[in-house]
N, C-alpha and C. Protein backbone atom coordinates (compact mmCIF):
# COMPACT_ATOMS: atom_id res chain seq x y z
N MET A 1 -19.37 70.29 -10.62
CA MET A 1 -18.78 69.19 -11.34
C MET A 1 -18.16 68.25 -10.27
N SER A 2 -17.61 68.85 -9.24
CA SER A 2 -16.99 67.98 -8.23
C SER A 2 -18.02 67.25 -7.45
N GLU A 3 -19.18 67.66 -7.34
CA GLU A 3 -20.34 67.00 -6.60
C GLU A 3 -20.71 65.81 -7.46
N ALA A 4 -20.82 65.96 -8.84
CA ALA A 4 -21.16 64.90 -9.66
C ALA A 4 -20.10 63.83 -9.66
N ALA A 5 -18.86 64.16 -9.60
CA ALA A 5 -17.79 63.17 -9.48
C ALA A 5 -17.79 62.57 -8.27
N ASP A 6 -18.13 63.24 -7.11
CA ASP A 6 -18.23 62.57 -5.87
C ASP A 6 -19.39 61.66 -5.75
N SER A 7 -20.55 61.91 -6.35
CA SER A 7 -21.61 61.12 -6.24
C SER A 7 -21.50 59.85 -7.06
N SER A 8 -20.81 59.99 -8.27
CA SER A 8 -20.55 58.80 -9.09
C SER A 8 -19.53 57.98 -8.47
N THR A 9 -18.52 58.58 -7.78
CA THR A 9 -17.51 57.70 -7.04
C THR A 9 -18.14 56.96 -5.90
N ASP A 10 -19.06 57.74 -5.12
CA ASP A 10 -19.68 57.15 -4.01
C ASP A 10 -20.68 55.98 -4.48
N SER A 11 -21.31 56.17 -5.51
CA SER A 11 -22.28 55.07 -5.93
C SER A 11 -21.62 53.93 -6.49
N ARG A 12 -20.43 53.94 -7.11
CA ARG A 12 -19.70 52.85 -7.69
C ARG A 12 -19.34 51.90 -6.55
N PRO A 13 -18.70 52.32 -5.46
CA PRO A 13 -18.38 51.28 -4.44
C PRO A 13 -19.58 50.75 -3.76
N VAL A 14 -20.69 51.46 -3.70
CA VAL A 14 -21.80 50.90 -3.09
C VAL A 14 -22.40 49.79 -3.93
N ARG A 15 -22.39 50.02 -5.26
CA ARG A 15 -22.89 49.02 -6.22
C ARG A 15 -21.95 47.75 -6.17
N LEU A 16 -20.71 47.96 -6.16
CA LEU A 16 -19.64 46.87 -6.15
C LEU A 16 -19.85 46.19 -4.81
N ARG A 17 -19.95 46.95 -3.69
CA ARG A 17 -20.09 46.28 -2.42
C ARG A 17 -21.38 45.43 -2.40
N GLU A 18 -22.44 45.97 -2.96
CA GLU A 18 -23.68 45.21 -3.10
C GLU A 18 -23.59 44.06 -3.97
N ALA A 19 -22.88 44.17 -5.05
CA ALA A 19 -22.64 43.08 -5.98
C ALA A 19 -21.86 41.98 -5.37
N LEU A 20 -20.83 42.31 -4.54
CA LEU A 20 -20.07 41.34 -3.81
C LEU A 20 -20.91 40.61 -2.81
N ARG A 21 -21.66 41.33 -2.17
CA ARG A 21 -22.62 40.74 -1.09
C ARG A 21 -23.54 39.71 -1.83
N GLN A 22 -24.10 40.16 -2.84
CA GLN A 22 -25.01 39.36 -3.56
C GLN A 22 -24.31 38.08 -4.10
N ALA A 23 -23.07 38.26 -4.68
CA ALA A 23 -22.33 37.08 -5.14
C ALA A 23 -22.05 36.14 -4.01
N ARG A 24 -21.63 36.71 -2.80
CA ARG A 24 -21.37 35.78 -1.64
C ARG A 24 -22.60 35.02 -1.25
N ILE A 25 -23.79 35.57 -1.34
CA ILE A 25 -24.94 35.02 -1.00
C ILE A 25 -25.38 33.76 -1.95
N GLU A 26 -25.07 34.22 -3.30
CA GLU A 26 -25.35 33.03 -4.33
C GLU A 26 -24.34 31.95 -4.15
N ALA A 27 -23.13 32.24 -3.80
CA ALA A 27 -22.11 31.22 -3.65
C ALA A 27 -22.55 30.35 -2.45
N ALA A 28 -22.98 30.96 -1.30
CA ALA A 28 -23.44 30.23 -0.20
C ALA A 28 -24.66 29.29 -0.56
N ASP A 29 -25.61 29.77 -1.32
CA ASP A 29 -26.68 29.04 -1.74
C ASP A 29 -26.36 27.84 -2.59
N ARG A 30 -25.36 28.05 -3.57
CA ARG A 30 -24.85 26.93 -4.36
C ARG A 30 -24.13 25.95 -3.57
N THR A 31 -23.37 26.37 -2.56
CA THR A 31 -22.61 25.47 -1.63
C THR A 31 -23.64 24.70 -0.77
N GLY A 32 -24.68 25.35 -0.35
CA GLY A 32 -25.82 24.67 0.37
C GLY A 32 -26.40 23.63 -0.46
N VAL A 33 -26.63 23.88 -1.82
CA VAL A 33 -27.28 22.88 -2.67
C VAL A 33 -26.26 21.73 -2.88
N VAL A 34 -25.06 21.99 -3.01
CA VAL A 34 -24.06 20.82 -3.19
C VAL A 34 -23.98 20.03 -1.91
N VAL A 35 -24.03 20.63 -0.71
CA VAL A 35 -23.98 19.94 0.50
C VAL A 35 -25.32 19.09 0.65
N ASP A 36 -26.49 19.77 0.27
CA ASP A 36 -27.68 18.98 0.29
C ASP A 36 -27.66 17.79 -0.62
N LEU A 37 -27.05 17.87 -1.79
CA LEU A 37 -26.95 16.81 -2.71
C LEU A 37 -26.06 15.74 -2.17
N ARG A 38 -24.93 16.09 -1.55
CA ARG A 38 -24.02 15.12 -1.04
C ARG A 38 -24.67 14.38 0.19
N ASP A 39 -25.45 15.16 0.99
CA ASP A 39 -26.16 14.52 2.13
C ASP A 39 -27.28 13.49 1.58
N ALA A 40 -27.81 13.89 0.45
CA ALA A 40 -28.85 13.01 -0.18
C ALA A 40 -28.16 11.74 -0.65
N GLU A 41 -27.04 11.88 -1.35
CA GLU A 41 -26.30 10.71 -1.74
C GLU A 41 -25.88 9.81 -0.59
N VAL A 42 -25.35 10.41 0.41
CA VAL A 42 -24.92 9.54 1.70
C VAL A 42 -26.17 8.95 2.28
N ALA A 43 -27.38 9.54 2.34
CA ALA A 43 -28.51 8.98 2.85
C ALA A 43 -28.96 7.83 1.97
N ARG A 44 -29.01 7.92 0.72
CA ARG A 44 -29.29 6.79 -0.17
C ARG A 44 -28.32 5.58 -0.03
N LEU A 45 -26.96 6.04 0.09
CA LEU A 45 -26.09 4.83 0.29
C LEU A 45 -26.32 4.18 1.72
N GLU A 46 -26.71 4.98 2.71
CA GLU A 46 -27.04 4.36 3.96
C GLU A 46 -28.28 3.45 3.99
N ILE A 47 -29.17 3.84 3.11
CA ILE A 47 -30.32 2.93 2.94
C ILE A 47 -29.86 1.69 2.35
N LEU A 48 -29.10 1.71 1.29
CA LEU A 48 -28.54 0.61 0.62
C LEU A 48 -27.69 -0.21 1.64
N ASN A 49 -26.89 0.38 2.43
CA ASN A 49 -26.12 -0.32 3.40
C ASN A 49 -26.94 -1.04 4.38
N ASP A 50 -28.04 -0.45 4.77
CA ASP A 50 -29.06 -1.20 5.67
C ASP A 50 -29.57 -2.37 4.96
N ALA A 51 -29.91 -2.18 3.66
CA ALA A 51 -30.51 -3.35 2.92
C ALA A 51 -29.54 -4.58 2.77
N LEU A 52 -28.19 -4.26 2.87
CA LEU A 52 -27.20 -5.23 2.78
C LEU A 52 -26.88 -5.89 4.14
N ASP A 53 -27.35 -5.41 5.16
CA ASP A 53 -27.10 -5.97 6.49
C ASP A 53 -27.32 -7.58 6.57
N PRO A 54 -28.58 -8.02 6.02
CA PRO A 54 -28.67 -9.43 6.12
C PRO A 54 -27.75 -10.23 5.31
N LEU A 55 -27.25 -9.74 4.23
CA LEU A 55 -26.29 -10.48 3.44
C LEU A 55 -24.97 -10.57 4.25
N PHE A 56 -24.60 -9.50 4.83
CA PHE A 56 -23.22 -9.60 5.52
C PHE A 56 -23.29 -10.24 6.93
N ALA A 57 -24.56 -10.43 7.39
CA ALA A 57 -24.78 -11.21 8.62
C ALA A 57 -24.46 -12.67 8.34
N GLU A 58 -24.68 -13.08 7.09
CA GLU A 58 -24.54 -14.53 6.74
C GLU A 58 -23.08 -14.85 6.53
N ILE A 59 -22.22 -13.85 6.23
CA ILE A 59 -20.87 -14.15 6.04
C ILE A 59 -20.06 -14.62 7.33
N PRO A 60 -19.29 -15.63 7.34
CA PRO A 60 -18.62 -16.08 8.50
C PRO A 60 -17.77 -14.98 9.04
N SER A 61 -17.68 -14.93 10.41
CA SER A 61 -16.93 -13.81 11.06
C SER A 61 -15.47 -13.87 10.79
N GLN A 62 -14.91 -15.16 10.76
CA GLN A 62 -13.50 -15.27 10.48
C GLN A 62 -13.07 -14.93 8.97
N LEU A 63 -14.00 -14.64 8.14
CA LEU A 63 -13.69 -14.38 6.75
C LEU A 63 -13.43 -12.81 6.71
N ASP A 64 -12.30 -12.31 6.59
CA ASP A 64 -11.92 -10.99 6.56
C ASP A 64 -11.75 -10.30 5.09
N LEU A 65 -12.46 -10.93 4.15
CA LEU A 65 -12.35 -10.53 2.79
C LEU A 65 -13.10 -9.33 2.53
N PHE A 66 -14.15 -8.99 3.22
CA PHE A 66 -15.00 -7.76 2.91
C PHE A 66 -14.84 -6.73 4.05
N ASP A 67 -14.88 -5.51 3.62
CA ASP A 67 -14.75 -4.39 4.57
C ASP A 67 -15.79 -3.24 4.08
N ARG A 68 -16.99 -3.55 4.58
CA ARG A 68 -18.01 -2.66 4.13
C ARG A 68 -18.12 -1.31 4.94
N GLY A 69 -18.31 -0.22 4.32
CA GLY A 69 -18.35 1.05 4.88
C GLY A 69 -18.65 2.11 3.94
N ILE A 70 -19.13 3.29 4.44
CA ILE A 70 -19.41 4.44 3.64
C ILE A 70 -18.26 5.47 3.78
N SER A 71 -17.58 5.92 2.64
CA SER A 71 -16.66 6.94 2.72
C SER A 71 -17.30 8.27 2.34
N GLN A 72 -17.10 9.29 3.05
CA GLN A 72 -17.81 10.55 2.75
C GLN A 72 -16.78 11.63 2.23
N GLY A 73 -16.22 11.26 1.16
CA GLY A 73 -15.24 12.22 0.59
C GLY A 73 -16.02 13.14 -0.44
N GLU A 74 -15.24 13.57 -1.51
CA GLU A 74 -15.88 14.37 -2.50
C GLU A 74 -17.06 13.63 -3.26
N THR A 75 -16.76 12.34 -3.33
CA THR A 75 -17.88 11.46 -3.92
C THR A 75 -18.08 10.33 -2.90
N PRO A 76 -19.20 10.47 -2.24
CA PRO A 76 -19.47 9.39 -1.23
C PRO A 76 -19.60 7.94 -1.96
N ARG A 77 -19.06 6.98 -1.21
CA ARG A 77 -19.07 5.68 -1.70
C ARG A 77 -19.43 4.63 -0.68
N LEU A 78 -20.13 3.59 -1.01
CA LEU A 78 -20.32 2.43 -0.10
C LEU A 78 -19.34 1.32 -0.65
N TRP A 79 -18.39 1.12 0.13
CA TRP A 79 -17.38 0.14 -0.13
C TRP A 79 -17.80 -1.29 0.19
N ILE A 80 -17.67 -2.25 -0.67
CA ILE A 80 -17.97 -3.63 -0.38
C ILE A 80 -16.72 -4.34 0.11
N ASP A 81 -15.67 -4.18 -0.75
CA ASP A 81 -14.31 -4.60 -0.44
C ASP A 81 -13.36 -3.62 -1.03
N VAL A 82 -12.06 -3.97 -1.12
CA VAL A 82 -11.09 -3.00 -1.50
C VAL A 82 -11.20 -2.67 -2.96
N VAL A 83 -11.88 -3.46 -3.81
CA VAL A 83 -11.88 -3.18 -5.21
C VAL A 83 -13.29 -2.96 -5.72
N ALA A 84 -14.33 -3.03 -4.96
CA ALA A 84 -15.69 -2.82 -5.34
C ALA A 84 -16.44 -1.83 -4.47
N HIS A 85 -17.24 -0.99 -5.14
CA HIS A 85 -17.98 -0.10 -4.34
C HIS A 85 -19.24 0.34 -5.16
N VAL A 86 -20.18 0.94 -4.33
CA VAL A 86 -21.33 1.52 -4.91
C VAL A 86 -21.27 3.03 -4.82
N VAL A 87 -21.55 3.64 -5.98
CA VAL A 87 -21.59 5.19 -6.03
C VAL A 87 -22.84 5.57 -6.68
N MET A 88 -23.30 6.80 -6.40
CA MET A 88 -24.51 7.29 -7.07
C MET A 88 -24.25 7.83 -8.43
N GLY A 89 -25.22 7.48 -9.33
CA GLY A 89 -25.07 8.02 -10.66
C GLY A 89 -25.15 9.50 -10.82
N ARG A 90 -25.14 10.07 -11.99
CA ARG A 90 -25.14 11.50 -12.24
C ARG A 90 -26.48 12.08 -11.75
N ASP A 91 -27.55 11.33 -11.82
CA ASP A 91 -28.89 11.91 -11.48
C ASP A 91 -29.03 11.82 -10.00
N LYS A 92 -28.13 11.24 -9.27
CA LYS A 92 -28.07 11.12 -7.80
C LYS A 92 -29.21 10.21 -7.29
N ARG A 93 -29.96 9.49 -8.18
CA ARG A 93 -31.03 8.53 -7.81
C ARG A 93 -30.60 7.19 -8.24
N GLN A 94 -29.68 7.05 -9.16
CA GLN A 94 -29.26 5.71 -9.71
C GLN A 94 -28.09 5.18 -8.97
N TYR A 95 -28.17 3.91 -8.57
CA TYR A 95 -26.97 3.29 -7.95
C TYR A 95 -26.11 2.71 -9.05
N ARG A 96 -24.75 2.83 -8.77
CA ARG A 96 -23.85 2.26 -9.78
C ARG A 96 -22.83 1.41 -9.00
N PHE A 97 -22.88 0.07 -9.24
CA PHE A 97 -22.02 -0.89 -8.52
C PHE A 97 -20.78 -1.11 -9.48
N VAL A 98 -19.60 -0.65 -9.02
CA VAL A 98 -18.43 -0.74 -9.90
C VAL A 98 -17.39 -1.54 -9.26
N GLN A 99 -16.43 -1.97 -10.09
CA GLN A 99 -15.21 -2.73 -9.55
C GLN A 99 -14.05 -2.14 -10.29
N ASP A 100 -13.05 -1.96 -9.57
CA ASP A 100 -11.70 -1.52 -10.04
C ASP A 100 -10.94 -2.67 -10.40
N THR A 101 -10.44 -2.74 -11.71
CA THR A 101 -9.64 -3.84 -12.17
C THR A 101 -8.32 -3.32 -12.69
N ARG A 102 -7.47 -4.26 -13.16
CA ARG A 102 -6.21 -3.87 -13.73
C ARG A 102 -6.33 -3.09 -14.90
N ASN A 103 -7.47 -3.27 -15.66
CA ASN A 103 -7.65 -2.62 -16.93
C ASN A 103 -8.57 -1.33 -16.73
N GLY A 104 -8.76 -0.91 -15.46
CA GLY A 104 -9.67 0.21 -15.27
C GLY A 104 -10.91 -0.20 -14.48
N ARG A 105 -11.89 0.77 -14.37
CA ARG A 105 -13.02 0.61 -13.56
C ARG A 105 -14.07 -0.02 -14.53
N ILE A 106 -14.75 -0.99 -14.09
CA ILE A 106 -16.01 -1.53 -14.76
C ILE A 106 -17.21 -1.33 -14.02
N VAL A 107 -18.30 -1.11 -14.70
CA VAL A 107 -19.61 -0.97 -14.05
C VAL A 107 -20.23 -2.40 -14.11
N LEU A 108 -20.52 -2.93 -12.91
CA LEU A 108 -21.10 -4.27 -12.82
C LEU A 108 -22.63 -4.11 -13.00
N VAL A 109 -23.31 -3.19 -12.37
CA VAL A 109 -24.75 -2.98 -12.40
C VAL A 109 -25.02 -1.49 -12.22
N GLU A 110 -26.04 -1.08 -12.88
CA GLU A 110 -26.61 0.26 -12.73
C GLU A 110 -28.21 0.18 -12.62
N SER A 111 -28.66 0.65 -11.52
CA SER A 111 -30.18 0.53 -11.36
C SER A 111 -30.67 1.63 -10.34
N HIS A 112 -31.95 1.96 -10.55
CA HIS A 112 -32.59 2.72 -9.47
C HIS A 112 -33.16 1.97 -8.42
N ASP A 113 -33.25 0.60 -8.67
CA ASP A 113 -33.90 -0.26 -7.72
C ASP A 113 -32.81 -0.88 -6.76
N ILE A 114 -33.11 -0.65 -5.56
CA ILE A 114 -32.21 -1.17 -4.40
C ILE A 114 -32.13 -2.65 -4.47
N GLY A 115 -33.26 -3.33 -4.81
CA GLY A 115 -33.21 -4.86 -4.81
C GLY A 115 -32.20 -5.37 -5.90
N ALA A 116 -32.19 -4.75 -7.03
CA ALA A 116 -31.25 -5.14 -8.12
C ALA A 116 -29.81 -4.91 -7.68
N ILE A 117 -29.52 -3.87 -6.93
CA ILE A 117 -28.09 -3.67 -6.48
C ILE A 117 -27.82 -4.74 -5.30
N VAL A 118 -28.73 -4.95 -4.51
CA VAL A 118 -28.49 -6.05 -3.40
C VAL A 118 -28.30 -7.37 -4.06
N LYS A 119 -29.04 -7.73 -5.13
CA LYS A 119 -28.69 -8.95 -5.79
C LYS A 119 -27.35 -9.02 -6.36
N ALA A 120 -27.00 -7.91 -7.06
CA ALA A 120 -25.62 -7.85 -7.66
C ALA A 120 -24.64 -7.95 -6.66
N VAL A 121 -24.76 -7.37 -5.51
CA VAL A 121 -23.71 -7.39 -4.47
C VAL A 121 -23.72 -8.70 -3.92
N THR A 122 -24.83 -9.38 -3.70
CA THR A 122 -24.83 -10.80 -3.29
C THR A 122 -24.15 -11.66 -4.18
N ASP A 123 -24.36 -11.54 -5.52
CA ASP A 123 -23.61 -12.33 -6.53
C ASP A 123 -22.16 -12.17 -6.39
N TYR A 124 -21.81 -10.84 -6.33
CA TYR A 124 -20.41 -10.58 -6.26
C TYR A 124 -19.80 -11.14 -4.95
N VAL A 125 -20.35 -11.00 -3.91
CA VAL A 125 -19.81 -11.63 -2.65
C VAL A 125 -19.63 -13.16 -2.81
N ALA A 126 -20.61 -13.80 -3.32
CA ALA A 126 -20.62 -15.21 -3.57
C ALA A 126 -19.40 -15.56 -4.44
N ARG A 127 -19.19 -14.84 -5.57
CA ARG A 127 -18.10 -15.17 -6.45
C ARG A 127 -16.79 -14.95 -5.75
N ARG A 128 -16.62 -13.84 -4.94
CA ARG A 128 -15.32 -13.55 -4.20
C ARG A 128 -15.12 -14.78 -3.26
N MET A 129 -16.12 -15.20 -2.58
CA MET A 129 -15.91 -16.35 -1.64
C MET A 129 -15.56 -17.56 -2.31
N VAL A 130 -16.10 -17.92 -3.51
CA VAL A 130 -15.69 -19.06 -4.26
C VAL A 130 -14.27 -18.97 -4.78
N GLU A 131 -13.86 -17.74 -5.25
CA GLU A 131 -12.39 -17.48 -5.66
C GLU A 131 -11.53 -17.66 -4.51
N ARG A 132 -11.87 -17.29 -3.25
CA ARG A 132 -11.02 -17.40 -2.19
C ARG A 132 -10.83 -18.90 -1.85
N GLU A 133 -11.95 -19.68 -1.86
CA GLU A 133 -11.93 -21.12 -1.58
C GLU A 133 -10.96 -21.74 -2.55
N ARG A 134 -11.11 -21.53 -3.88
CA ARG A 134 -10.23 -22.05 -4.93
C ARG A 134 -8.83 -21.77 -4.66
N ALA A 135 -8.45 -20.46 -4.36
CA ALA A 135 -7.14 -20.05 -4.15
C ALA A 135 -6.53 -20.82 -2.95
N PHE A 136 -7.39 -20.99 -1.85
CA PHE A 136 -6.85 -21.81 -0.73
C PHE A 136 -6.59 -23.30 -1.13
N SER A 137 -7.54 -23.80 -1.81
CA SER A 137 -7.40 -25.29 -2.28
C SER A 137 -6.21 -25.40 -3.07
N VAL A 138 -5.88 -24.51 -4.06
CA VAL A 138 -4.73 -24.55 -4.85
C VAL A 138 -3.44 -24.40 -3.98
N ALA A 139 -3.47 -23.49 -3.09
CA ALA A 139 -2.33 -23.30 -2.12
C ALA A 139 -2.11 -24.53 -1.39
N ARG A 140 -3.17 -25.24 -0.83
CA ARG A 140 -3.04 -26.51 -0.04
C ARG A 140 -2.47 -27.57 -0.96
N ALA A 141 -2.90 -27.61 -2.17
CA ALA A 141 -2.35 -28.58 -3.09
C ALA A 141 -0.98 -28.42 -3.41
N GLN A 142 -0.52 -27.07 -3.65
CA GLN A 142 0.94 -26.81 -3.89
C GLN A 142 1.75 -27.10 -2.67
N ALA A 143 1.20 -26.80 -1.48
CA ALA A 143 2.00 -27.07 -0.33
C ALA A 143 2.15 -28.61 -0.08
N LYS A 144 1.19 -29.40 -0.41
CA LYS A 144 1.30 -30.92 -0.26
C LYS A 144 2.33 -31.38 -1.27
N GLU A 145 2.32 -30.83 -2.55
CA GLU A 145 3.31 -31.23 -3.54
C GLU A 145 4.61 -30.88 -3.11
N THR A 146 4.82 -29.72 -2.51
CA THR A 146 6.10 -29.33 -2.08
C THR A 146 6.69 -30.09 -0.88
N SER A 147 5.77 -30.49 -0.05
CA SER A 147 6.22 -31.36 1.13
C SER A 147 6.52 -32.76 0.57
N GLU A 148 5.83 -33.32 -0.40
CA GLU A 148 6.12 -34.68 -1.00
C GLU A 148 7.43 -34.52 -1.62
N ALA A 149 7.71 -33.49 -2.34
CA ALA A 149 9.00 -33.35 -3.03
C ALA A 149 10.11 -33.18 -2.07
N ALA A 150 9.81 -32.47 -0.96
CA ALA A 150 10.92 -32.28 -0.05
C ALA A 150 11.23 -33.75 0.68
N ARG A 151 10.19 -34.48 0.89
CA ARG A 151 10.38 -35.79 1.51
C ARG A 151 11.13 -36.73 0.49
N ARG A 152 10.84 -36.63 -0.77
CA ARG A 152 11.65 -37.42 -1.72
C ARG A 152 13.05 -36.91 -1.83
N ARG A 153 13.27 -35.63 -1.68
CA ARG A 153 14.60 -35.09 -1.69
C ARG A 153 15.30 -35.41 -0.40
N GLY A 154 14.61 -35.51 0.69
CA GLY A 154 15.07 -35.96 1.95
C GLY A 154 15.76 -37.31 2.00
N GLY A 155 15.29 -38.22 1.13
CA GLY A 155 15.84 -39.54 0.92
C GLY A 155 17.06 -39.53 -0.03
N PHE A 156 17.22 -38.62 -0.89
CA PHE A 156 18.28 -38.61 -1.87
C PHE A 156 19.65 -38.04 -1.19
N TRP A 157 19.61 -37.06 -0.37
CA TRP A 157 20.79 -36.48 0.28
C TRP A 157 21.45 -37.38 1.25
N PRO A 158 20.76 -38.07 2.02
CA PRO A 158 21.47 -39.09 2.90
C PRO A 158 22.13 -40.15 2.06
N PHE A 159 21.51 -40.52 0.98
CA PHE A 159 22.12 -41.58 0.08
C PHE A 159 23.48 -41.08 -0.42
N VAL A 160 23.47 -39.79 -0.91
CA VAL A 160 24.69 -39.18 -1.38
C VAL A 160 25.72 -39.12 -0.31
N LEU A 161 25.39 -38.73 0.86
CA LEU A 161 26.27 -38.64 1.95
C LEU A 161 26.86 -39.94 2.30
N GLY A 162 26.03 -40.96 2.38
CA GLY A 162 26.47 -42.25 2.66
C GLY A 162 27.41 -42.89 1.60
N PHE A 163 27.18 -42.58 0.35
CA PHE A 163 27.99 -42.95 -0.82
C PHE A 163 29.38 -42.35 -0.69
N VAL A 164 29.40 -40.95 -0.45
CA VAL A 164 30.72 -40.27 -0.39
C VAL A 164 31.50 -40.73 0.88
N LEU A 165 30.88 -40.95 1.96
CA LEU A 165 31.53 -41.42 3.23
C LEU A 165 32.13 -42.88 2.99
N GLY A 166 31.35 -43.73 2.27
CA GLY A 166 31.82 -45.12 1.94
C GLY A 166 32.98 -45.07 1.02
N ALA A 167 33.01 -44.21 0.07
CA ALA A 167 34.04 -44.10 -0.90
C ALA A 167 35.33 -43.60 -0.17
N LEU A 168 35.18 -42.67 0.73
CA LEU A 168 36.23 -42.07 1.50
C LEU A 168 36.97 -43.17 2.42
N SER A 169 36.01 -43.87 2.99
CA SER A 169 36.59 -44.94 3.96
C SER A 169 37.31 -45.99 3.12
N LEU A 170 36.78 -46.40 2.06
CA LEU A 170 37.48 -47.39 1.15
C LEU A 170 38.83 -46.85 0.66
N PHE A 171 38.83 -45.57 0.38
CA PHE A 171 40.07 -44.87 -0.09
C PHE A 171 41.10 -44.93 1.18
N GLY A 172 40.52 -44.50 2.31
CA GLY A 172 41.38 -44.50 3.50
C GLY A 172 41.99 -45.89 3.86
N VAL A 173 41.10 -46.91 3.74
CA VAL A 173 41.65 -48.28 4.00
C VAL A 173 42.71 -48.71 3.00
N ALA A 174 42.45 -48.44 1.72
CA ALA A 174 43.41 -48.74 0.74
C ALA A 174 44.78 -48.01 0.96
N PHE A 175 44.62 -46.73 1.30
CA PHE A 175 45.85 -45.91 1.55
C PHE A 175 46.65 -46.48 2.80
N TYR A 176 45.85 -46.88 3.81
CA TYR A 176 46.53 -47.41 5.08
C TYR A 176 47.18 -48.78 4.74
N ALA A 177 46.60 -49.58 3.89
CA ALA A 177 47.12 -50.80 3.36
C ALA A 177 48.44 -50.67 2.69
N SER A 178 48.39 -49.64 1.77
CA SER A 178 49.66 -49.43 0.94
C SER A 178 50.83 -48.86 1.83
N LEU A 179 50.46 -48.10 2.92
CA LEU A 179 51.52 -47.80 3.81
C LEU A 179 52.08 -48.86 4.64
N GLN A 180 51.26 -49.79 4.93
CA GLN A 180 51.76 -51.09 5.70
C GLN A 180 52.71 -51.89 4.87
N GLN A 181 52.60 -51.91 3.61
CA GLN A 181 53.47 -52.75 2.74
C GLN A 181 54.85 -52.11 2.53
N ILE A 182 54.92 -50.85 2.80
CA ILE A 182 56.33 -50.18 2.56
C ILE A 182 57.21 -50.46 3.66
């Protein structure tokens, strides 16, 4: 009876040890698949990044509105600027161009075709450049209005100062004259 107990005790750790070994191998295989999928995502984003090179070559160098690059975090992303990026869809073949807004993330375009994504990014870049131009023209107009208002106010304060000094000098002359009569 003790031999049977010893053999069952010996066989249990061997099976558990073997099961742990098998579980570790399966986990490593799954990790390898996840790493392969992430590498595939990064590779697809790099292909899209290369397709966007002609677009970003046309953007003036002094314009620092766009900061394109691939981030390789848990979810790889191709950043266009601080609020827009391209991420791979669930099937890892579909590109998803998204923009973060005050009201949450919106999907601008989804497509398997790189050309459609390049066109969407081109349109996005053009809209952002126009928005920037408008913002600068409004800022320039406001600055011009502010300087004109300051110039108008610049004429008002010297007038007030002259008026006050004139009134004080008249008061001083009248006071001096009243002292002379006493």
